[in-house]
Amino acid sequence: MKAVTLPVAILHSASAVRSAAVQITATCPILHLDLGPLSLNLLGLQVNLSEVVLDITAQSGAGNLLGNLLCAITHLLDGAGALADIANLLNQILQVLSGLLG
């Protein structure tokens, strides 16, 4: 068995990361529903509905638990989302390890 030593650098202190996370906020579109005017006849009851536009957006940031969760969920399938970043990082680690172990 061969011992492997890799250099590690800490780029930010924990307090700097926390303060940066507090300042970063983003909005994620969750749902845009645009219903045109509807006219229904329900067994003699006439229902007329004007145009309805429903926009739901999530606010991410410190203290916005539901917003953070929904933003994370909406970006799971993005090509440049967190899962793709993790996959790229794991691939880089595998390349380094395979280069070290030959």
N, C-alpha and C. Protein backbone atom coordinates (compact mmCIF):
# COMPACT_ATOMS: atom_id res chain seq x y z
N MET A 1 0.85 -1.17 0.00
CA MET A 1 0.00 0.00 0.00
C MET A 1 0.90 1.23 0.00
N LYS A 2 0.53 2.23 -0.79
CA LYS A 2 1.30 3.45 -0.92
C LYS A 2 0.58 4.59 -0.21
N ALA A 3 1.31 5.39 0.56
CA ALA A 3 0.72 6.57 1.22
C ALA A 3 0.70 7.72 0.23
N VAL A 4 -0.39 8.46 0.21
CA VAL A 4 -0.55 9.58 -0.70
C VAL A 4 -0.71 10.85 0.12
N THR A 5 0.07 11.88 -0.19
CA THR A 5 -0.02 13.17 0.49
C THR A 5 -0.34 14.23 -0.55
N LEU A 6 -1.41 14.99 -0.30
CA LEU A 6 -1.82 16.04 -1.22
C LEU A 6 -1.86 17.37 -0.47
N PRO A 7 -1.43 18.47 -1.10
CA PRO A 7 -1.50 19.77 -0.43
C PRO A 7 -2.95 20.27 -0.36
N VAL A 8 -3.27 20.93 0.73
CA VAL A 8 -4.60 21.50 0.93
C VAL A 8 -4.43 22.96 1.30
N ALA A 9 -5.22 23.83 0.69
CA ALA A 9 -5.19 25.26 1.01
C ALA A 9 -6.58 25.71 1.40
N ILE A 10 -6.66 26.47 2.48
CA ILE A 10 -7.93 27.05 2.90
C ILE A 10 -7.97 28.47 2.36
N LEU A 11 -8.93 28.72 1.46
CA LEU A 11 -8.99 30.01 0.79
C LEU A 11 -9.72 31.07 1.59
N HIS A 12 -10.69 30.67 2.39
CA HIS A 12 -11.50 31.61 3.16
C HIS A 12 -11.64 31.10 4.57
N SER A 13 -11.65 32.01 5.51
CA SER A 13 -11.95 31.60 6.87
C SER A 13 -13.44 31.34 6.99
N ALA A 14 -13.85 30.62 8.02
CA ALA A 14 -15.27 30.28 8.20
C ALA A 14 -16.11 31.53 8.38
N SER A 15 -15.59 32.54 9.08
CA SER A 15 -16.37 33.77 9.28
C SER A 15 -16.53 34.53 7.97
N ALA A 16 -15.51 34.49 7.10
CA ALA A 16 -15.62 35.17 5.81
C ALA A 16 -16.65 34.48 4.94
N VAL A 17 -16.68 33.15 4.99
CA VAL A 17 -17.66 32.41 4.20
C VAL A 17 -19.06 32.70 4.71
N ARG A 18 -19.24 32.73 6.05
CA ARG A 18 -20.56 33.02 6.62
C ARG A 18 -21.02 34.42 6.24
N SER A 19 -20.12 35.43 6.32
CA SER A 19 -20.53 36.79 5.98
C SER A 19 -20.83 36.91 4.49
N ALA A 20 -20.09 36.18 3.66
CA ALA A 20 -20.37 36.20 2.22
C ALA A 20 -21.71 35.56 1.93
N ALA A 21 -22.03 34.47 2.64
CA ALA A 21 -23.29 33.79 2.41
C ALA A 21 -24.46 34.67 2.84
N VAL A 22 -24.27 35.49 3.84
CA VAL A 22 -25.35 36.37 4.29
C VAL A 22 -25.65 37.42 3.23
N GLN A 23 -24.61 37.88 2.53
CA GLN A 23 -24.79 38.96 1.57
C GLN A 23 -25.32 38.47 0.22
N ILE A 24 -25.14 37.20 -0.09
CA ILE A 24 -25.55 36.68 -1.39
C ILE A 24 -27.03 36.27 -1.33
N THR A 25 -27.83 36.88 -2.18
CA THR A 25 -29.22 36.46 -2.30
C THR A 25 -29.53 36.34 -3.79
N ALA A 26 -30.39 35.42 -4.10
CA ALA A 26 -30.77 35.22 -5.49
C ALA A 26 -32.23 34.82 -5.53
N THR A 27 -32.83 35.02 -6.68
CA THR A 27 -34.20 34.56 -6.88
C THR A 27 -34.19 33.47 -7.94
N CYS A 28 -35.03 32.48 -7.73
CA CYS A 28 -35.15 31.37 -8.66
C CYS A 28 -36.60 31.27 -9.10
N PRO A 29 -36.86 31.37 -10.39
CA PRO A 29 -38.25 31.20 -10.83
C PRO A 29 -38.70 29.76 -10.62
N ILE A 30 -39.84 29.59 -9.95
CA ILE A 30 -40.37 28.26 -9.65
C ILE A 30 -41.51 27.93 -10.61
N LEU A 31 -42.45 28.86 -10.77
CA LEU A 31 -43.62 28.60 -11.60
C LEU A 31 -44.11 29.88 -12.24
N HIS A 32 -44.41 29.83 -13.53
CA HIS A 32 -45.07 30.92 -14.24
C HIS A 32 -46.29 30.31 -14.92
N LEU A 33 -47.46 30.67 -14.45
CA LEU A 33 -48.72 30.13 -14.97
C LEU A 33 -49.53 31.30 -15.53
N ASP A 34 -49.86 31.22 -16.80
CA ASP A 34 -50.63 32.28 -17.46
C ASP A 34 -51.89 31.66 -18.06
N LEU A 35 -53.02 31.88 -17.39
CA LEU A 35 -54.30 31.37 -17.88
C LEU A 35 -55.05 32.50 -18.57
N GLY A 36 -55.48 32.25 -19.78
CA GLY A 36 -56.29 33.23 -20.47
C GLY A 36 -57.70 33.27 -19.88
N PRO A 37 -58.53 34.14 -20.38
CA PRO A 37 -59.91 34.21 -19.87
C PRO A 37 -60.64 32.89 -20.07
N LEU A 38 -61.37 32.48 -19.05
CA LEU A 38 -62.13 31.23 -19.10
C LEU A 38 -63.61 31.52 -18.93
N SER A 39 -64.42 30.79 -19.65
CA SER A 39 -65.86 30.89 -19.50
C SER A 39 -66.40 29.47 -19.40
N LEU A 40 -66.98 29.14 -18.23
CA LEU A 40 -67.47 27.79 -17.99
C LEU A 40 -68.96 27.81 -17.70
N ASN A 41 -69.65 26.78 -18.16
CA ASN A 41 -71.05 26.58 -17.81
C ASN A 41 -71.12 25.27 -17.07
N LEU A 42 -71.28 25.36 -15.73
CA LEU A 42 -71.31 24.18 -14.88
C LEU A 42 -72.74 23.88 -14.46
N LEU A 43 -73.45 23.08 -15.25
CA LEU A 43 -74.83 22.68 -14.94
C LEU A 43 -75.72 23.88 -14.65
N GLY A 44 -75.59 24.89 -15.48
CA GLY A 44 -76.43 26.08 -15.32
C GLY A 44 -75.78 27.20 -14.53
N LEU A 45 -74.63 26.96 -13.95
CA LEU A 45 -73.90 28.00 -13.23
C LEU A 45 -72.84 28.54 -14.17
N GLN A 46 -72.97 29.81 -14.52
CA GLN A 46 -72.02 30.45 -15.45
C GLN A 46 -70.85 31.02 -14.65
N VAL A 47 -69.63 30.59 -14.99
CA VAL A 47 -68.41 31.07 -14.33
C VAL A 47 -67.55 31.75 -15.38
N ASN A 48 -67.26 33.01 -15.17
CA ASN A 48 -66.37 33.78 -16.05
C ASN A 48 -65.15 34.19 -15.25
N LEU A 49 -64.00 33.87 -15.78
CA LEU A 49 -62.75 34.17 -15.10
C LEU A 49 -61.89 35.00 -16.03
N SER A 50 -61.42 36.14 -15.55
CA SER A 50 -60.51 36.96 -16.33
C SER A 50 -59.14 36.30 -16.37
N GLU A 51 -58.23 36.90 -17.12
CA GLU A 51 -56.88 36.35 -17.22
C GLU A 51 -56.24 36.29 -15.84
N VAL A 52 -55.57 35.17 -15.58
CA VAL A 52 -54.86 34.97 -14.31
C VAL A 52 -53.40 34.70 -14.62
N VAL A 53 -52.51 35.46 -13.98
CA VAL A 53 -51.07 35.24 -14.11
C VAL A 53 -50.54 34.99 -12.71
N LEU A 54 -49.91 33.83 -12.53
CA LEU A 54 -49.35 33.44 -11.25
C LEU A 54 -47.86 33.24 -11.42
N ASP A 55 -47.06 34.02 -10.69
CA ASP A 55 -45.61 33.88 -10.69
C ASP A 55 -45.16 33.53 -9.28
N ILE A 56 -44.41 32.45 -9.15
CA ILE A 56 -43.86 32.05 -7.87
C ILE A 56 -42.35 32.02 -8.02
N THR A 57 -41.66 32.79 -7.18
CA THR A 57 -40.21 32.81 -7.18
C THR A 57 -39.72 32.53 -5.77
N ALA A 58 -38.58 31.89 -5.68
CA ALA A 58 -37.98 31.57 -4.38
C ALA A 58 -36.83 32.53 -4.13
N GLN A 59 -36.72 33.03 -2.91
CA GLN A 59 -35.63 33.89 -2.48
C GLN A 59 -34.64 33.02 -1.72
N SER A 60 -33.41 32.94 -2.19
CA SER A 60 -32.40 32.20 -1.44
C SER A 60 -31.58 33.18 -0.62
N GLY A 61 -30.93 32.66 0.39
CA GLY A 61 -30.10 33.49 1.26
C GLY A 61 -30.22 33.02 2.69
N ALA A 62 -29.51 33.69 3.56
CA ALA A 62 -29.49 33.30 4.97
C ALA A 62 -30.88 33.42 5.57
N GLY A 63 -31.33 32.38 6.24
CA GLY A 63 -32.62 32.39 6.92
C GLY A 63 -33.80 32.04 6.04
N ASN A 64 -33.61 31.88 4.76
CA ASN A 64 -34.69 31.55 3.83
C ASN A 64 -34.65 30.06 3.52
N LEU A 65 -35.03 29.25 4.48
CA LEU A 65 -34.88 27.80 4.34
C LEU A 65 -35.66 27.24 3.16
N LEU A 66 -36.92 27.60 3.03
CA LEU A 66 -37.72 27.08 1.92
C LEU A 66 -37.22 27.61 0.59
N GLY A 67 -36.85 28.88 0.54
CA GLY A 67 -36.30 29.45 -0.69
C GLY A 67 -35.01 28.77 -1.11
N ASN A 68 -34.12 28.51 -0.15
CA ASN A 68 -32.87 27.80 -0.45
C ASN A 68 -33.14 26.40 -0.98
N LEU A 69 -34.08 25.71 -0.34
CA LEU A 69 -34.41 24.35 -0.77
C LEU A 69 -34.98 24.34 -2.18
N LEU A 70 -35.94 25.23 -2.45
CA LEU A 70 -36.56 25.25 -3.78
C LEU A 70 -35.58 25.68 -4.86
N CYS A 71 -34.69 26.64 -4.55
CA CYS A 71 -33.67 27.03 -5.53
C CYS A 71 -32.73 25.86 -5.82
N ALA A 72 -32.36 25.13 -4.78
CA ALA A 72 -31.48 23.96 -4.99
C ALA A 72 -32.17 22.91 -5.83
N ILE A 73 -33.44 22.67 -5.58
CA ILE A 73 -34.19 21.66 -6.34
C ILE A 73 -34.34 22.08 -7.80
N THR A 74 -34.62 23.36 -8.05
CA THR A 74 -34.82 23.80 -9.43
C THR A 74 -33.54 23.72 -10.25
N HIS A 75 -32.38 23.74 -9.59
CA HIS A 75 -31.11 23.71 -10.32
C HIS A 75 -30.45 22.34 -10.32
N LEU A 76 -31.13 21.31 -9.81
CA LEU A 76 -30.53 19.98 -9.77
C LEU A 76 -30.22 19.44 -11.17
N LEU A 77 -31.06 19.70 -12.12
CA LEU A 77 -30.89 19.14 -13.45
C LEU A 77 -30.18 20.08 -14.42
N ASP A 78 -29.75 21.26 -13.94
CA ASP A 78 -29.01 22.18 -14.80
C ASP A 78 -27.67 21.57 -15.15
N GLY A 79 -27.21 21.84 -16.35
CA GLY A 79 -25.90 21.35 -16.74
C GLY A 79 -24.79 21.93 -15.89
N ALA A 80 -24.93 23.15 -15.45
CA ALA A 80 -23.89 23.80 -14.65
C ALA A 80 -24.31 23.88 -13.19
N GLY A 81 -25.16 22.97 -12.74
CA GLY A 81 -25.64 22.99 -11.37
C GLY A 81 -24.66 22.36 -10.41
N ALA A 82 -25.08 22.23 -9.17
CA ALA A 82 -24.22 21.71 -8.11
C ALA A 82 -23.79 20.28 -8.39
N LEU A 83 -24.69 19.46 -8.93
CA LEU A 83 -24.32 18.06 -9.21
C LEU A 83 -23.23 17.97 -10.27
N ALA A 84 -23.30 18.83 -11.27
CA ALA A 84 -22.26 18.83 -12.30
C ALA A 84 -20.93 19.30 -11.71
N ASP A 85 -20.97 20.27 -10.80
CA ASP A 85 -19.74 20.73 -10.14
C ASP A 85 -19.12 19.62 -9.31
N ILE A 86 -19.96 18.88 -8.58
CA ILE A 86 -19.46 17.78 -7.77
C ILE A 86 -18.87 16.69 -8.66
N ALA A 87 -19.55 16.37 -9.75
CA ALA A 87 -19.04 15.34 -10.67
C ALA A 87 -17.70 15.77 -11.27
N ASN A 88 -17.58 17.04 -11.65
CA ASN A 88 -16.31 17.53 -12.19
C ASN A 88 -15.20 17.46 -11.15
N LEU A 89 -15.51 17.83 -9.90
CA LEU A 89 -14.52 17.76 -8.84
C LEU A 89 -14.07 16.33 -8.58
N LEU A 90 -15.02 15.40 -8.54
CA LEU A 90 -14.66 13.99 -8.36
C LEU A 90 -13.81 13.47 -9.51
N ASN A 91 -14.12 13.89 -10.73
CA ASN A 91 -13.31 13.48 -11.88
C ASN A 91 -11.88 14.02 -11.78
N GLN A 92 -11.74 15.25 -11.29
CA GLN A 92 -10.41 15.83 -11.12
C GLN A 92 -9.62 15.07 -10.05
N ILE A 93 -10.31 14.71 -8.96
CA ILE A 93 -9.65 13.94 -7.89
C ILE A 93 -9.19 12.59 -8.43
N LEU A 94 -10.05 11.94 -9.22
CA LEU A 94 -9.67 10.64 -9.80
C LEU A 94 -8.47 10.77 -10.73
N GLN A 95 -8.40 11.85 -11.49
CA GLN A 95 -7.26 12.05 -12.38
C GLN A 95 -5.98 12.24 -11.59
N VAL A 96 -6.06 13.02 -10.50
CA VAL A 96 -4.87 13.23 -9.67
C VAL A 96 -4.42 11.92 -9.04
N LEU A 97 -5.39 11.16 -8.49
CA LEU A 97 -5.05 9.89 -7.85
C LEU A 97 -4.47 8.89 -8.84
N SER A 98 -5.06 8.82 -10.03
CA SER A 98 -4.53 7.88 -11.02
C SER A 98 -3.16 8.29 -11.49
N GLY A 99 -2.89 9.60 -11.53
CA GLY A 99 -1.55 10.07 -11.89
C GLY A 99 -0.53 9.75 -10.81
N LEU A 100 -0.94 9.82 -9.54
CA LEU A 100 -0.02 9.52 -8.44
C LEU A 100 0.25 8.04 -8.30
N LEU A 101 -0.78 7.24 -8.52
CA LEU A 101 -0.64 5.80 -8.33
C LEU A 101 -0.15 5.09 -9.57
N GLY A 102 -0.15 5.80 -10.68
CA GLY A 102 0.37 5.25 -11.92
C GLY A 102 -0.51 4.25 -12.49
